[in-house]
Amino acid sequence: MLPFLELMNKTNNMKIETQRLILREFEDADFEQVFLMDSDPEVMKYIGVPVSTDINESKNVIKLIQKQYEENGVGRLAVVEKENGKVIGWSGLKLLTKETNGHKNVLELGYRFLPESWGKGYAVEAGIASLDYGFNELNAETIYACAHSEHDVSNHILRKLGFEKTGEFEEPDGICFWYELKREKK
């Protein structure tokens, strides 16, 4: 078993706080905010899946993420703006259980936010907190990420977080860049 997998199986009720955000496990009641994101063509432009047209799909997405918490001890987290208590997106680590770009059973950082939250530094703030959690709580040696090659903002965020592009792979909707970030040696 990979070192971080053993720890993840013991992790319950993930909650991370930053200066402006709370990253917490998804609750069933979050489905409307998830639907707002997943039904927005601008949000979904580079994701590689169709825009959601049925709010029940969002309920199923939350159930799938909650199942990842149970089975893998980790999963994407709802991002809540402390100022108003509103879910503005999701961020965090996920265990890649299906092979992606030759990697399997590794942690991947991801994020998605509502358009009104763009440009405020939330993806970087949540990303820093998620990486800290992955390296310091889960003892991961490397964390991975990927972004569509044409998604300039997402690629910029990953580079700003310290990720290095180490490859690319083809998806049905185009080329994705593959990134790695290794734990800092102390």
N, C-alpha and C. Protein backbone atom coordinates (compact mmCIF):
# COMPACT_ATOMS: atom_id res chain seq x y z
N MET A 1 0.85 -1.19 0.00
CA MET A 1 0.00 0.00 0.00
C MET A 1 0.89 1.24 0.00
N LEU A 2 0.52 2.24 -0.79
CA LEU A 2 1.27 3.49 -0.82
C LEU A 2 1.17 4.17 0.54
N PRO A 3 2.23 4.87 1.00
CA PRO A 3 2.23 5.44 2.35
C PRO A 3 1.03 6.33 2.63
N PHE A 4 0.64 7.17 1.68
CA PHE A 4 -0.46 8.09 1.96
C PHE A 4 -1.81 7.38 1.95
N LEU A 5 -1.93 6.25 1.27
CA LEU A 5 -3.20 5.54 1.25
C LEU A 5 -3.56 5.01 2.63
N GLU A 6 -2.57 4.53 3.36
CA GLU A 6 -2.83 4.02 4.70
C GLU A 6 -3.37 5.13 5.60
N LEU A 7 -2.78 6.31 5.50
CA LEU A 7 -3.25 7.45 6.29
C LEU A 7 -4.64 7.90 5.85
N MET A 8 -4.87 7.90 4.54
CA MET A 8 -6.15 8.40 4.03
C MET A 8 -7.31 7.55 4.54
N ASN A 9 -7.09 6.28 4.69
CA ASN A 9 -8.16 5.41 5.15
C ASN A 9 -8.59 5.74 6.58
N LYS A 10 -7.75 6.46 7.31
CA LYS A 10 -8.07 6.85 8.69
C LYS A 10 -8.64 8.25 8.78
N THR A 11 -8.69 8.96 7.65
CA THR A 11 -9.12 10.36 7.64
C THR A 11 -10.64 10.44 7.64
N ASN A 12 -11.19 11.23 8.55
CA ASN A 12 -12.64 11.43 8.59
C ASN A 12 -12.94 12.92 8.65
N ASN A 13 -14.08 13.31 8.09
CA ASN A 13 -14.54 14.70 8.15
C ASN A 13 -13.47 15.72 7.81
N MET A 14 -13.03 15.68 6.58
CA MET A 14 -12.01 16.63 6.15
C MET A 14 -12.57 18.05 6.20
N LYS A 15 -11.81 18.93 6.80
CA LYS A 15 -12.16 20.34 6.84
C LYS A 15 -10.86 21.13 6.92
N ILE A 16 -10.71 22.08 6.01
CA ILE A 16 -9.51 22.90 5.95
C ILE A 16 -9.96 24.36 5.93
N GLU A 17 -9.32 25.19 6.75
CA GLU A 17 -9.64 26.62 6.76
C GLU A 17 -8.46 27.43 6.27
N THR A 18 -8.76 28.45 5.48
CA THR A 18 -7.76 29.42 5.04
C THR A 18 -8.25 30.78 5.54
N GLN A 19 -7.56 31.81 5.13
CA GLN A 19 -7.96 33.15 5.57
C GLN A 19 -9.39 33.49 5.16
N ARG A 20 -9.77 33.15 3.92
CA ARG A 20 -11.09 33.54 3.41
C ARG A 20 -12.03 32.39 3.14
N LEU A 21 -11.53 31.16 3.24
CA LEU A 21 -12.30 30.01 2.78
C LEU A 21 -12.36 28.89 3.81
N ILE A 22 -13.41 28.08 3.68
CA ILE A 22 -13.50 26.81 4.38
C ILE A 22 -13.67 25.74 3.30
N LEU A 23 -12.81 24.75 3.32
CA LEU A 23 -12.93 23.60 2.44
C LEU A 23 -13.46 22.47 3.31
N ARG A 24 -14.61 21.95 2.96
CA ARG A 24 -15.25 20.91 3.77
C ARG A 24 -15.85 19.85 2.85
N GLU A 25 -16.18 18.72 3.45
CA GLU A 25 -16.81 17.64 2.69
C GLU A 25 -18.15 18.12 2.14
N PHE A 26 -18.48 17.62 0.95
CA PHE A 26 -19.77 17.96 0.35
C PHE A 26 -20.91 17.39 1.17
N GLU A 27 -21.98 18.17 1.26
CA GLU A 27 -23.22 17.75 1.91
C GLU A 27 -24.29 17.63 0.82
N ASP A 28 -25.29 16.83 1.08
CA ASP A 28 -26.37 16.63 0.10
C ASP A 28 -26.98 17.96 -0.34
N ALA A 29 -27.09 18.91 0.58
CA ALA A 29 -27.74 20.20 0.30
C ALA A 29 -26.93 21.08 -0.66
N ASP A 30 -25.71 20.70 -1.00
CA ASP A 30 -24.87 21.51 -1.89
C ASP A 30 -25.20 21.34 -3.37
N PHE A 31 -26.19 20.50 -3.69
CA PHE A 31 -26.45 20.14 -5.09
C PHE A 31 -26.79 21.34 -5.97
N GLU A 32 -27.47 22.36 -5.44
CA GLU A 32 -27.85 23.50 -6.27
C GLU A 32 -26.61 24.29 -6.73
N GLN A 33 -25.65 24.46 -5.85
CA GLN A 33 -24.43 25.18 -6.22
C GLN A 33 -23.61 24.37 -7.21
N VAL A 34 -23.58 23.05 -7.03
CA VAL A 34 -22.88 22.19 -7.98
C VAL A 34 -23.54 22.29 -9.35
N PHE A 35 -24.87 22.30 -9.36
CA PHE A 35 -25.58 22.43 -10.63
C PHE A 35 -25.29 23.77 -11.30
N LEU A 36 -25.22 24.85 -10.52
CA LEU A 36 -24.88 26.16 -11.09
C LEU A 36 -23.55 26.11 -11.83
N MET A 37 -22.57 25.44 -11.24
CA MET A 37 -21.26 25.31 -11.89
C MET A 37 -21.33 24.42 -13.12
N ASP A 38 -21.88 23.24 -12.93
CA ASP A 38 -21.85 22.23 -13.98
C ASP A 38 -22.79 22.52 -15.14
N SER A 39 -23.71 23.47 -14.96
CA SER A 39 -24.61 23.84 -16.06
C SER A 39 -24.15 25.11 -16.78
N ASP A 40 -23.04 25.67 -16.34
CA ASP A 40 -22.52 26.91 -16.93
C ASP A 40 -21.51 26.56 -18.03
N PRO A 41 -21.81 26.93 -19.29
CA PRO A 41 -20.90 26.60 -20.39
C PRO A 41 -19.49 27.17 -20.23
N GLU A 42 -19.35 28.33 -19.60
CA GLU A 42 -18.01 28.91 -19.40
C GLU A 42 -17.21 28.09 -18.39
N VAL A 43 -17.87 27.63 -17.34
CA VAL A 43 -17.19 26.80 -16.33
C VAL A 43 -16.76 25.48 -16.95
N MET A 44 -17.60 24.90 -17.78
CA MET A 44 -17.37 23.56 -18.31
C MET A 44 -16.59 23.54 -19.63
N LYS A 45 -16.21 24.69 -20.11
CA LYS A 45 -15.58 24.81 -21.44
C LYS A 45 -14.41 23.86 -21.66
N TYR A 46 -13.55 23.69 -20.68
CA TYR A 46 -12.34 22.87 -20.84
C TYR A 46 -12.37 21.58 -20.04
N ILE A 47 -13.52 21.18 -19.54
CA ILE A 47 -13.61 20.03 -18.65
C ILE A 47 -13.69 18.71 -19.41
N GLY A 48 -14.24 18.72 -20.59
CA GLY A 48 -14.31 17.49 -21.37
C GLY A 48 -15.56 16.67 -21.13
N VAL A 49 -16.54 17.25 -20.41
CA VAL A 49 -17.82 16.58 -20.22
C VAL A 49 -18.92 17.58 -20.59
N PRO A 50 -20.07 17.08 -21.01
CA PRO A 50 -21.14 18.00 -21.40
C PRO A 50 -21.65 18.84 -20.23
N VAL A 51 -22.21 19.98 -20.57
CA VAL A 51 -22.84 20.85 -19.59
C VAL A 51 -24.03 20.10 -19.01
N SER A 52 -24.20 20.18 -17.70
CA SER A 52 -25.30 19.50 -17.03
C SER A 52 -26.62 20.20 -17.35
N THR A 53 -27.65 19.41 -17.62
CA THR A 53 -28.97 19.97 -17.90
C THR A 53 -30.03 19.47 -16.91
N ASP A 54 -29.61 18.59 -16.01
CA ASP A 54 -30.54 17.98 -15.06
C ASP A 54 -29.97 18.12 -13.66
N ILE A 55 -30.67 18.81 -12.79
CA ILE A 55 -30.18 19.06 -11.43
C ILE A 55 -29.94 17.75 -10.67
N ASN A 56 -30.63 16.68 -11.06
CA ASN A 56 -30.40 15.38 -10.41
C ASN A 56 -29.00 14.85 -10.67
N GLU A 57 -28.39 15.26 -11.81
CA GLU A 57 -27.00 14.87 -12.08
C GLU A 57 -26.09 15.41 -10.98
N SER A 58 -26.38 16.61 -10.49
CA SER A 58 -25.57 17.21 -9.44
C SER A 58 -25.71 16.45 -8.13
N LYS A 59 -26.90 15.97 -7.87
CA LYS A 59 -27.10 15.14 -6.67
C LYS A 59 -26.26 13.87 -6.78
N ASN A 60 -26.21 13.29 -7.98
CA ASN A 60 -25.42 12.08 -8.20
C ASN A 60 -23.92 12.36 -8.08
N VAL A 61 -23.48 13.53 -8.55
CA VAL A 61 -22.07 13.91 -8.43
C VAL A 61 -21.68 13.97 -6.96
N ILE A 62 -22.51 14.58 -6.14
CA ILE A 62 -22.23 14.68 -4.71
C ILE A 62 -22.17 13.28 -4.08
N LYS A 63 -23.09 12.41 -4.45
CA LYS A 63 -23.08 11.03 -3.93
C LYS A 63 -21.78 10.32 -4.32
N LEU A 64 -21.32 10.54 -5.55
CA LEU A 64 -20.08 9.93 -6.02
C LEU A 64 -18.89 10.44 -5.21
N ILE A 65 -18.83 11.74 -4.95
CA ILE A 65 -17.74 12.32 -4.16
C ILE A 65 -17.80 11.80 -2.73
N GLN A 66 -19.00 11.71 -2.15
CA GLN A 66 -19.15 11.19 -0.80
C GLN A 66 -18.69 9.72 -0.73
N LYS A 67 -18.93 8.98 -1.79
CA LYS A 67 -18.46 7.60 -1.85
C LYS A 67 -16.93 7.56 -1.89
N GLN A 68 -16.31 8.54 -2.56
CA GLN A 68 -14.84 8.62 -2.59
C GLN A 68 -14.29 8.88 -1.19
N TYR A 69 -14.97 9.72 -0.41
CA TYR A 69 -14.53 9.94 0.98
C TYR A 69 -14.50 8.61 1.73
N GLU A 70 -15.57 7.83 1.57
CA GLU A 70 -15.68 6.55 2.30
C GLU A 70 -14.65 5.53 1.81
N GLU A 71 -14.53 5.39 0.49
CA GLU A 71 -13.67 4.35 -0.06
C GLU A 71 -12.19 4.72 -0.06
N ASN A 72 -11.89 6.00 -0.30
CA ASN A 72 -10.50 6.42 -0.48
C ASN A 72 -9.99 7.34 0.63
N GLY A 73 -10.88 7.80 1.49
CA GLY A 73 -10.46 8.69 2.57
C GLY A 73 -10.15 10.10 2.13
N VAL A 74 -10.41 10.41 0.87
CA VAL A 74 -10.12 11.74 0.33
C VAL A 74 -11.02 11.96 -0.89
N GLY A 75 -11.28 13.23 -1.18
CA GLY A 75 -12.09 13.58 -2.34
C GLY A 75 -12.21 15.09 -2.44
N ARG A 76 -12.74 15.57 -3.52
CA ARG A 76 -12.90 17.02 -3.70
C ARG A 76 -13.74 17.57 -2.55
N LEU A 77 -13.44 18.80 -2.18
CA LEU A 77 -14.13 19.46 -1.07
C LEU A 77 -14.90 20.67 -1.56
N ALA A 78 -16.05 20.91 -0.95
CA ALA A 78 -16.81 22.12 -1.23
C ALA A 78 -16.01 23.31 -0.69
N VAL A 79 -15.96 24.39 -1.46
CA VAL A 79 -15.26 25.60 -1.03
C VAL A 79 -16.33 26.62 -0.63
N VAL A 80 -16.26 27.03 0.63
CA VAL A 80 -17.24 27.96 1.18
C VAL A 80 -16.53 29.28 1.47
N GLU A 81 -17.14 30.36 1.00
CA GLU A 81 -16.63 31.70 1.31
C GLU A 81 -17.01 32.03 2.75
N LYS A 82 -16.01 32.28 3.60
CA LYS A 82 -16.28 32.55 5.01
C LYS A 82 -17.19 33.76 5.20
N GLU A 83 -17.00 34.77 4.37
CA GLU A 83 -17.73 36.03 4.52
C GLU A 83 -19.24 35.87 4.47
N ASN A 84 -19.71 34.96 3.57
CA ASN A 84 -21.16 34.83 3.42
C ASN A 84 -21.69 33.40 3.59
N GLY A 85 -20.80 32.43 3.81
CA GLY A 85 -21.22 31.05 4.02
C GLY A 85 -21.69 30.33 2.76
N LYS A 86 -21.43 30.91 1.60
CA LYS A 86 -21.92 30.35 0.33
C LYS A 86 -20.88 29.43 -0.31
N VAL A 87 -21.35 28.29 -0.83
CA VAL A 87 -20.49 27.39 -1.59
C VAL A 87 -20.21 28.06 -2.93
N ILE A 88 -18.93 28.31 -3.21
CA ILE A 88 -18.53 29.01 -4.45
C ILE A 88 -17.80 28.11 -5.43
N GLY A 89 -17.59 26.86 -5.04
CA GLY A 89 -16.90 25.94 -5.93
C GLY A 89 -16.43 24.71 -5.19
N TRP A 90 -15.49 24.02 -5.79
CA TRP A 90 -14.85 22.90 -5.13
C TRP A 90 -13.37 22.91 -5.43
N SER A 91 -12.62 22.26 -4.58
CA SER A 91 -11.19 22.16 -4.75
C SER A 91 -10.72 20.96 -3.94
N GLY A 92 -9.47 20.62 -4.12
CA GLY A 92 -8.91 19.59 -3.27
C GLY A 92 -8.34 18.41 -4.03
N LEU A 93 -8.01 17.41 -3.26
CA LEU A 93 -7.32 16.24 -3.76
C LEU A 93 -8.30 15.10 -3.99
N LYS A 94 -7.96 14.30 -4.97
CA LYS A 94 -8.76 13.12 -5.30
C LYS A 94 -7.77 12.01 -5.60
N LEU A 95 -8.10 10.80 -5.21
CA LEU A 95 -7.29 9.65 -5.55
C LEU A 95 -7.69 9.19 -6.95
N LEU A 96 -6.73 9.19 -7.86
CA LEU A 96 -6.99 8.70 -9.22
C LEU A 96 -6.99 7.18 -9.19
N THR A 97 -8.16 6.59 -9.23
CA THR A 97 -8.27 5.13 -9.17
C THR A 97 -8.28 4.51 -10.57
N LYS A 98 -8.48 5.33 -11.58
CA LYS A 98 -8.38 4.88 -12.97
C LYS A 98 -7.11 5.49 -13.55
N GLU A 99 -6.43 4.74 -14.36
CA GLU A 99 -5.16 5.21 -14.92
C GLU A 99 -5.37 6.47 -15.75
N THR A 100 -4.56 7.47 -15.48
CA THR A 100 -4.56 8.72 -16.22
C THR A 100 -3.11 9.06 -16.57
N ASN A 101 -2.82 9.16 -17.83
CA ASN A 101 -1.48 9.48 -18.31
C ASN A 101 -0.43 8.56 -17.68
N GLY A 102 -0.77 7.28 -17.54
CA GLY A 102 0.16 6.30 -17.01
C GLY A 102 0.26 6.27 -15.50
N HIS A 103 -0.58 7.02 -14.80
CA HIS A 103 -0.54 7.08 -13.34
C HIS A 103 -1.85 6.57 -12.76
N LYS A 104 -1.73 5.83 -11.66
CA LYS A 104 -2.90 5.29 -10.97
C LYS A 104 -2.60 5.28 -9.48
N ASN A 105 -3.64 5.44 -8.67
CA ASN A 105 -3.51 5.48 -7.21
C ASN A 105 -2.55 6.58 -6.77
N VAL A 106 -2.71 7.73 -7.39
CA VAL A 106 -1.94 8.92 -7.02
C VAL A 106 -2.94 10.04 -6.70
N LEU A 107 -2.47 11.03 -5.97
CA LEU A 107 -3.32 12.17 -5.63
C LEU A 107 -3.26 13.22 -6.73
N GLU A 108 -4.44 13.73 -7.09
CA GLU A 108 -4.54 14.77 -8.10
C GLU A 108 -5.25 15.98 -7.50
N LEU A 109 -4.68 17.16 -7.73
CA LEU A 109 -5.32 18.40 -7.32
C LEU A 109 -6.26 18.87 -8.42
N GLY A 110 -7.43 19.33 -8.03
CA GLY A 110 -8.37 19.89 -8.99
C GLY A 110 -9.16 21.00 -8.35
N TYR A 111 -9.87 21.78 -9.17
CA TYR A 111 -10.68 22.89 -8.68
C TYR A 111 -11.66 23.31 -9.75
N ARG A 112 -12.76 23.87 -9.30
CA ARG A 112 -13.78 24.44 -10.19
C ARG A 112 -14.56 25.46 -9.37
N PHE A 113 -14.76 26.65 -9.93
CA PHE A 113 -15.42 27.72 -9.20
C PHE A 113 -16.50 28.38 -10.05
N LEU A 114 -17.49 28.96 -9.37
CA LEU A 114 -18.51 29.75 -10.04
C LEU A 114 -17.86 31.01 -10.63
N PRO A 115 -18.32 31.47 -11.79
CA PRO A 115 -17.71 32.63 -12.45
C PRO A 115 -17.60 33.88 -11.57
N GLU A 116 -18.58 34.13 -10.70
CA GLU A 116 -18.50 35.33 -9.87
C GLU A 116 -17.35 35.26 -8.85
N SER A 117 -16.74 34.08 -8.72
CA SER A 117 -15.61 33.91 -7.81
C SER A 117 -14.26 33.95 -8.53
N TRP A 118 -14.30 34.01 -9.86
CA TRP A 118 -13.06 34.02 -10.63
C TRP A 118 -12.29 35.32 -10.40
N GLY A 119 -10.98 35.23 -10.49
CA GLY A 119 -10.13 36.42 -10.42
C GLY A 119 -9.91 36.94 -9.01
N LYS A 120 -10.30 36.20 -8.00
CA LYS A 120 -10.15 36.64 -6.61
C LYS A 120 -9.05 35.89 -5.86
N GLY A 121 -8.36 34.99 -6.56
CA GLY A 121 -7.30 34.24 -5.93
C GLY A 121 -7.76 33.03 -5.13
N TYR A 122 -9.04 32.68 -5.25
CA TYR A 122 -9.56 31.56 -4.47
C TYR A 122 -8.96 30.21 -4.88
N ALA A 123 -8.74 30.01 -6.18
CA ALA A 123 -8.18 28.72 -6.64
C ALA A 123 -6.77 28.53 -6.08
N VAL A 124 -5.98 29.60 -6.06
CA VAL A 124 -4.63 29.50 -5.50
C VAL A 124 -4.69 29.29 -3.99
N GLU A 125 -5.55 30.04 -3.31
CA GLU A 125 -5.67 29.91 -1.85
C GLU A 125 -6.11 28.51 -1.46
N ALA A 126 -7.12 27.99 -2.14
CA ALA A 126 -7.60 26.63 -1.86
C ALA A 126 -6.55 25.60 -2.27
N GLY A 127 -5.85 25.86 -3.36
CA GLY A 127 -4.81 24.95 -3.84
C GLY A 127 -3.66 24.84 -2.85
N ILE A 128 -3.21 25.96 -2.32
CA ILE A 128 -2.13 25.95 -1.32
C ILE A 128 -2.54 25.12 -0.11
N ALA A 129 -3.77 25.33 0.36
CA ALA A 129 -4.26 24.59 1.53
C ALA A 129 -4.37 23.09 1.23
N SER A 130 -4.83 22.76 0.04
CA SER A 130 -4.98 21.35 -0.35
C SER A 130 -3.62 20.67 -0.47
N LEU A 131 -2.65 21.38 -1.04
CA LEU A 131 -1.31 20.82 -1.18
C LEU A 131 -0.67 20.62 0.19
N ASP A 132 -0.85 21.59 1.06
CA ASP A 132 -0.33 21.47 2.42
C ASP A 132 -0.93 20.23 3.10
N TYR A 133 -2.22 20.04 2.94
CA TYR A 133 -2.90 18.88 3.50
C TYR A 133 -2.32 17.59 2.90
N GLY A 134 -2.16 17.56 1.60
CA GLY A 134 -1.65 16.35 0.94
C GLY A 134 -0.23 15.99 1.35
N PHE A 135 0.63 16.99 1.44
CA PHE A 135 2.02 16.72 1.79
C PHE A 135 2.21 16.49 3.29
N ASN A 136 1.54 17.29 4.11
CA ASN A 136 1.80 17.26 5.55
C ASN A 136 0.87 16.35 6.35
N GLU A 137 -0.34 16.14 5.88
CA GLU A 137 -1.27 15.26 6.60
C GLU A 137 -1.34 13.86 5.98
N LEU A 138 -1.27 13.81 4.65
CA LEU A 138 -1.36 12.52 3.97
C LEU A 138 0.00 11.94 3.60
N ASN A 139 1.06 12.72 3.82
CA ASN A 139 2.43 12.28 3.55
C ASN A 139 2.67 11.88 2.10
N ALA A 140 2.00 12.54 1.18
CA ALA A 140 2.23 12.27 -0.24
C ALA A 140 3.62 12.77 -0.63
N GLU A 141 4.28 12.04 -1.48
CA GLU A 141 5.60 12.47 -1.99
C GLU A 141 5.44 13.35 -3.23
N THR A 142 4.41 13.04 -4.04
CA THR A 142 4.15 13.79 -5.26
C THR A 142 2.64 13.97 -5.40
N ILE A 143 2.24 15.14 -5.84
CA ILE A 143 0.83 15.41 -6.16
C ILE A 143 0.79 15.82 -7.62
N TYR A 144 -0.21 15.36 -8.32
CA TYR A 144 -0.34 15.58 -9.76
C TYR A 144 -1.52 16.50 -10.06
N ALA A 145 -1.53 17.02 -11.26
CA ALA A 145 -2.65 17.84 -11.74
C ALA A 145 -2.63 17.80 -13.26
N CYS A 146 -3.75 18.12 -13.86
CA CYS A 146 -3.79 18.25 -15.31
C CYS A 146 -4.74 19.38 -15.68
N ALA A 147 -4.47 19.96 -16.84
CA ALA A 147 -5.31 21.05 -17.33
C ALA A 147 -5.30 21.01 -18.85
N HIS A 148 -6.43 21.36 -19.42
CA HIS A 148 -6.54 21.44 -20.88
C HIS A 148 -5.49 22.42 -21.39
N SER A 149 -4.84 22.08 -22.47
CA SER A 149 -3.74 22.91 -22.99
C SER A 149 -4.18 24.33 -23.35
N GLU A 150 -5.46 24.52 -23.68
CA GLU A 150 -5.94 25.86 -24.06
C GLU A 150 -6.51 26.64 -22.88
N HIS A 151 -6.54 26.02 -21.70
CA HIS A 151 -7.09 26.70 -20.52
C HIS A 151 -5.96 27.48 -19.84
N ASP A 152 -5.70 28.66 -20.37
CA ASP A 152 -4.57 29.47 -19.90
C ASP A 152 -4.64 29.78 -18.41
N VAL A 153 -5.81 30.09 -17.90
CA VAL A 153 -5.94 30.46 -16.49
C VAL A 153 -5.59 29.27 -15.59
N SER A 154 -6.14 28.11 -15.89
CA SER A 154 -5.86 26.93 -15.07
C SER A 154 -4.38 26.56 -15.12
N ASN A 155 -3.78 26.63 -16.30
CA ASN A 155 -2.35 26.33 -16.42
C ASN A 155 -1.53 27.34 -15.63
N HIS A 156 -1.93 28.60 -15.64
CA HIS A 156 -1.24 29.64 -14.87
C HIS A 156 -1.34 29.35 -13.37
N ILE A 157 -2.53 28.97 -12.91
CA ILE A 157 -2.74 28.66 -11.49
C ILE A 157 -1.82 27.51 -11.07
N LEU A 158 -1.75 26.46 -11.87
CA LEU A 158 -0.92 25.31 -11.50
C LEU A 158 0.56 25.70 -11.43
N ARG A 159 1.01 26.51 -12.38
CA ARG A 159 2.41 26.97 -12.33
C ARG A 159 2.64 27.85 -11.11
N LYS A 160 1.67 28.70 -10.79
CA LYS A 160 1.78 29.57 -9.62
C LYS A 160 1.87 28.75 -8.33
N LEU A 161 1.20 27.61 -8.29
CA LEU A 161 1.24 26.73 -7.13
C LEU A 161 2.54 25.94 -7.05
N GLY A 162 3.37 26.03 -8.08
CA GLY A 162 4.66 25.35 -8.07
C GLY A 162 4.73 24.10 -8.90
N PHE A 163 3.65 23.74 -9.58
CA PHE A 163 3.65 22.53 -10.41
C PHE A 163 4.55 22.72 -11.62
N GLU A 164 5.17 21.62 -12.05
CA GLU A 164 5.97 21.59 -13.27
C GLU A 164 5.26 20.72 -14.29
N LYS A 165 5.17 21.22 -15.52
CA LYS A 165 4.59 20.43 -16.60
C LYS A 165 5.60 19.35 -16.98
N THR A 166 5.15 18.09 -16.90
CA THR A 166 6.06 16.98 -17.19
C THR A 166 5.60 16.15 -18.38
N GLY A 167 4.50 16.54 -18.98
CA GLY A 167 4.03 15.78 -20.14
C GLY A 167 2.68 16.28 -20.62
N GLU A 168 2.17 15.58 -21.59
CA GLU A 168 0.84 15.89 -22.10
C GLU A 168 0.22 14.61 -22.61
N PHE A 169 -1.10 14.61 -22.67
CA PHE A 169 -1.81 13.44 -23.17
C PHE A 169 -3.06 13.91 -23.89
N GLU A 170 -3.58 13.04 -24.73
CA GLU A 170 -4.73 13.41 -25.55
C GLU A 170 -6.02 12.93 -24.90
N GLU A 171 -6.99 13.81 -24.89
CA GLU A 171 -8.35 13.51 -24.43
C GLU A 171 -9.26 13.76 -25.63
N PRO A 172 -10.52 13.28 -25.58
CA PRO A 172 -11.42 13.50 -26.72
C PRO A 172 -11.61 14.98 -27.09
N ASP A 173 -11.47 15.89 -26.09
CA ASP A 173 -11.69 17.31 -26.37
C ASP A 173 -10.38 18.07 -26.61
N GLY A 174 -9.25 17.37 -26.70
CA GLY A 174 -7.98 18.04 -26.99
C GLY A 174 -6.84 17.55 -26.12
N ILE A 175 -5.77 18.30 -26.15
CA ILE A 175 -4.55 17.95 -25.41
C ILE A 175 -4.64 18.49 -23.98
N CYS A 176 -4.24 17.65 -23.03
CA CYS A 176 -4.15 18.07 -21.63
C CYS A 176 -2.68 18.07 -21.21
N PHE A 177 -2.32 19.07 -20.43
CA PHE A 177 -0.97 19.12 -19.86
C PHE A 177 -0.98 18.38 -18.53
N TRP A 178 0.08 17.62 -18.28
CA TRP A 178 0.24 16.85 -17.05
C TRP A 178 1.28 17.54 -16.18
N TYR A 179 0.95 17.74 -14.92
CA TYR A 179 1.81 18.45 -13.99
C TYR A 179 2.15 17.58 -12.78
N GLU A 180 3.32 17.86 -12.19
CA GLU A 180 3.74 17.18 -10.96
C GLU A 180 4.30 18.22 -9.99
N LEU A 181 4.06 17.98 -8.72
CA LEU A 181 4.67 18.78 -7.66
C LEU A 181 5.16 17.80 -6.61
N LYS A 182 6.46 17.85 -6.35
CA LYS A 182 7.07 16.96 -5.36
C LYS A 182 7.15 17.65 -4.01
N ARG A 183 7.08 16.84 -2.96
CA ARG A 183 7.24 17.34 -1.60
C ARG A 183 8.61 18.02 -1.47
N GLU A 184 8.60 19.14 -0.80
CA GLU A 184 9.87 19.84 -0.57
C GLU A 184 10.71 19.04 0.40
N LYS A 185 11.99 18.93 0.07
CA LYS A 185 12.92 18.24 0.96
C LYS A 185 13.27 19.16 2.12
N LYS A 186 13.23 18.66 3.34
CA LYS A 186 13.55 19.48 4.50
C LYS A 186 14.94 19.23 4.99
